[in-house]
Amino acid sequence: MTAKEYLRRYRETNQRIDSKLDEIAHLRELATKLSPTAEISRNGDISDKVGKTAAKIVDLQQEINAEIDDIRRIRAEIEETIATVDDADCRLLLSLRYINGYSWRRIAAKMAYSEDNVKGYLHQKALRKVENIIAKCKN
C-alpha cells in the first residue's frame, strides 16, 4: 500500500458512509410512498414492500455503525502516523489534506505557500516521509 492509499482510507470510508446515509434517506422517502398492504405475486408469495424496505434500512444502519467503528480506528491510526512525521509543514499539510479534506488551494492559503509548491514539492516530501514510517512499521 502506498502512502497515498494509506492516507486516503479515512476519506474513502467517510464517503462510503455518506453514500449509505443517502441510500437510507432515499429508502425512508420510498417507504413513506409505499402502500402498507401486502401483495401476492403470481406464484403465491406474499410481498411486504414496506417491511422489506424497513429491513434494508436496518441492514444499512448496521453497516454504517460498523464503518463508523472502522473510521474511528483508521483516523486514529493515520493521526498517529502523521504525528510521527518529523517536519511541521509536512504534518500540517497531511492533516489538512487527508484528515480535514481541504482542497490544495485552501491548504496553500492556510500555509502561505503557492498551490504548486503545496501540490508538488511539499506533498511529495510529506508522502515520502509517510512511506518511510510505513516501511519501518512493517519491519
Protein backbone atom coordinates (compact mmCIF):
# COMPACT_ATOMS: atom_id res chain seq x y z
CA MET A 1 0.00 0.00 0.00
CA THR A 2 1.38 3.39 -0.96
CA ALA A 3 1.41 6.33 1.42
CA LYS A 4 -1.37 7.98 -0.57
CA GLU A 5 -3.55 4.87 -0.42
CA TYR A 6 -2.84 4.55 3.29
CA LEU A 7 -3.83 8.16 3.95
CA ARG A 8 -6.89 8.13 1.67
CA ARG A 9 -8.57 5.33 3.63
CA TYR A 10 -10.14 7.83 6.03
CA ARG A 11 -11.80 9.94 3.32
CA GLU A 12 -12.86 6.89 1.33
CA THR A 13 -14.52 5.31 4.37
CA ASN A 14 -16.22 8.62 5.10
CA GLN A 15 -17.52 8.72 1.52
CA ARG A 16 -18.89 5.17 1.82
CA ILE A 17 -20.74 6.16 4.99
CA ASP A 18 -22.16 9.26 3.29
CA SER A 19 -23.31 7.14 0.37
CA LYS A 20 -25.10 4.72 2.69
CA LEU A 21 -26.72 7.59 4.58
CA ASP A 22 -28.01 8.94 1.27
CA GLU A 23 -29.37 5.50 0.45
CA ILE A 24 -31.15 5.33 3.82
CA ALA A 25 -32.72 8.74 3.20
CA HIS A 26 -33.90 7.53 -0.20
CA LEU A 27 -35.33 4.31 1.27
CA ARG A 28 -37.14 6.23 4.00
CA GLU A 29 -38.66 8.51 1.41
CA LEU A 30 -39.67 5.50 -0.66
CA ALA A 31 -41.18 3.78 2.39
CA THR A 32 -43.49 6.72 3.02
CA LYS A 33 -44.81 6.40 -0.53
CA LEU A 34 -45.46 2.67 -0.37
CA SER A 35 -48.83 1.23 0.47
CA PRO A 36 -48.73 -0.72 3.75
CA THR A 37 -50.77 -3.56 2.25
CA ALA A 38 -49.22 -6.87 1.33
CA GLU A 39 -49.24 -8.01 -2.27
CA ILE A 40 -49.50 -11.56 -3.54
CA SER A 41 -47.30 -12.41 -6.50
CA ARG A 42 -48.23 -14.77 -9.34
CA ASN A 43 -46.54 -17.71 -7.63
CA GLY A 44 -48.41 -17.08 -4.37
CA ASP A 45 -45.59 -15.41 -2.40
CA ILE A 46 -46.66 -12.53 -0.17
CA SER A 47 -44.62 -9.36 -0.58
CA ASP A 48 -44.49 -6.71 2.11
CA LYS A 49 -42.76 -3.78 0.40
CA VAL A 50 -42.73 -1.57 3.49
CA GLY A 51 -41.32 -4.38 5.62
CA LYS A 52 -38.62 -5.18 3.07
CA THR A 53 -37.68 -1.51 2.82
CA ALA A 54 -37.52 -1.22 6.62
CA ALA A 55 -35.30 -4.30 6.74
CA LYS A 56 -32.96 -2.75 4.16
CA ILE A 57 -32.77 0.41 6.26
CA VAL A 58 -31.87 -1.61 9.38
CA ASP A 59 -29.21 -3.54 7.44
CA LEU A 60 -27.68 -0.32 6.11
CA GLN A 61 -27.68 1.23 9.58
CA GLN A 62 -25.78 -1.80 10.91
CA GLU A 63 -23.25 -1.46 8.06
CA ILE A 64 -22.86 2.23 8.84
CA ASN A 65 -22.27 1.50 12.53
CA ALA A 66 -19.53 -0.98 11.61
CA GLU A 67 -17.95 1.54 9.22
CA ILE A 68 -18.08 4.23 11.90
CA ASP A 69 -16.07 1.92 14.16
CA ASP A 70 -13.62 1.43 11.28
CA ILE A 71 -13.36 5.15 10.56
CA ARG A 72 -12.52 5.93 14.18
CA ARG A 73 -9.76 3.33 14.14
CA ILE A 74 -8.44 4.47 10.75
CA ARG A 75 -8.45 8.14 11.75
CA ALA A 76 -6.58 7.41 14.98
CA GLU A 77 -4.02 5.32 13.09
CA ILE A 78 -3.48 7.99 10.43
CA GLU A 79 -3.27 10.79 13.01
CA GLU A 80 -0.70 8.76 14.93
CA THR A 81 1.34 8.26 11.76
CA ILE A 82 1.11 11.94 10.82
CA ALA A 83 2.19 12.92 14.34
CA THR A 84 5.44 10.99 13.86
CA VAL A 85 6.39 12.95 10.70
CA ASP A 86 9.46 15.00 11.64
CA ASP A 87 8.58 18.11 9.60
CA ALA A 88 5.93 20.54 10.89
CA ASP A 89 4.91 21.75 7.41
CA CYS A 90 4.50 18.17 6.21
CA ARG A 91 2.44 17.28 9.28
CA LEU A 92 0.16 20.27 8.71
CA LEU A 93 -0.25 19.51 5.02
CA LEU A 94 -1.06 15.86 5.70
CA SER A 95 -3.62 16.72 8.37
CA LEU A 96 -5.30 19.38 6.28
CA ARG A 97 -5.47 17.19 3.20
CA TYR A 98 -6.13 13.68 4.49
CA ILE A 99 -7.99 14.32 7.75
CA ASN A 100 -9.81 17.59 7.06
CA GLY A 101 -10.21 17.03 3.32
CA TYR A 102 -9.08 20.53 2.33
CA SER A 103 -8.51 21.42 -1.32
CA TRP A 104 -4.99 22.24 -2.50
CA ARG A 105 -5.97 25.91 -2.87
CA ARG A 106 -7.24 26.08 0.71
CA ILE A 107 -4.13 24.34 2.04
CA ALA A 108 -1.88 26.72 0.13
CA ALA A 109 -3.71 29.74 1.52
CA LYS A 110 -3.60 28.37 5.07
CA MET A 111 0.11 27.60 4.82
CA ALA A 112 1.01 30.78 2.87
CA TYR A 113 2.61 28.79 0.04
CA SER A 114 1.82 28.67 -3.64
CA GLU A 115 -0.61 25.98 -4.68
CA ASP A 116 2.00 24.46 -6.99
CA ASN A 117 4.53 24.26 -4.15
CA VAL A 118 2.00 22.58 -1.85
CA LYS A 119 0.73 20.11 -4.50
CA GLY A 120 4.16 19.36 -5.83
CA TYR A 121 7.26 19.56 -3.70
CA LEU A 122 5.80 19.68 -0.19
CA HIS A 123 3.19 16.97 -0.81
CA GLN A 124 5.76 14.62 -2.35
CA LYS A 125 8.13 15.28 0.55
CA ALA A 126 5.35 14.50 3.04
CA LEU A 127 4.38 11.30 1.20
CA ARG A 128 8.00 10.10 1.22
CA LYS A 129 8.13 10.63 4.98
CA VAL A 130 4.93 8.62 5.44
CA GLU A 131 6.30 5.88 3.15
CA ASN A 132 9.36 5.65 5.40
CA ILE A 133 7.20 5.43 8.52
CA ILE A 134 5.02 2.71 6.97
CA ALA A 135 8.12 0.78 5.89
CA LYS A 136 9.58 0.94 9.42
CA CYS A 137 6.31 -0.36 10.89
CA LYS A 138 6.35 -3.37 8.55
CA ASN A 139 9.82 -4.39 9.70
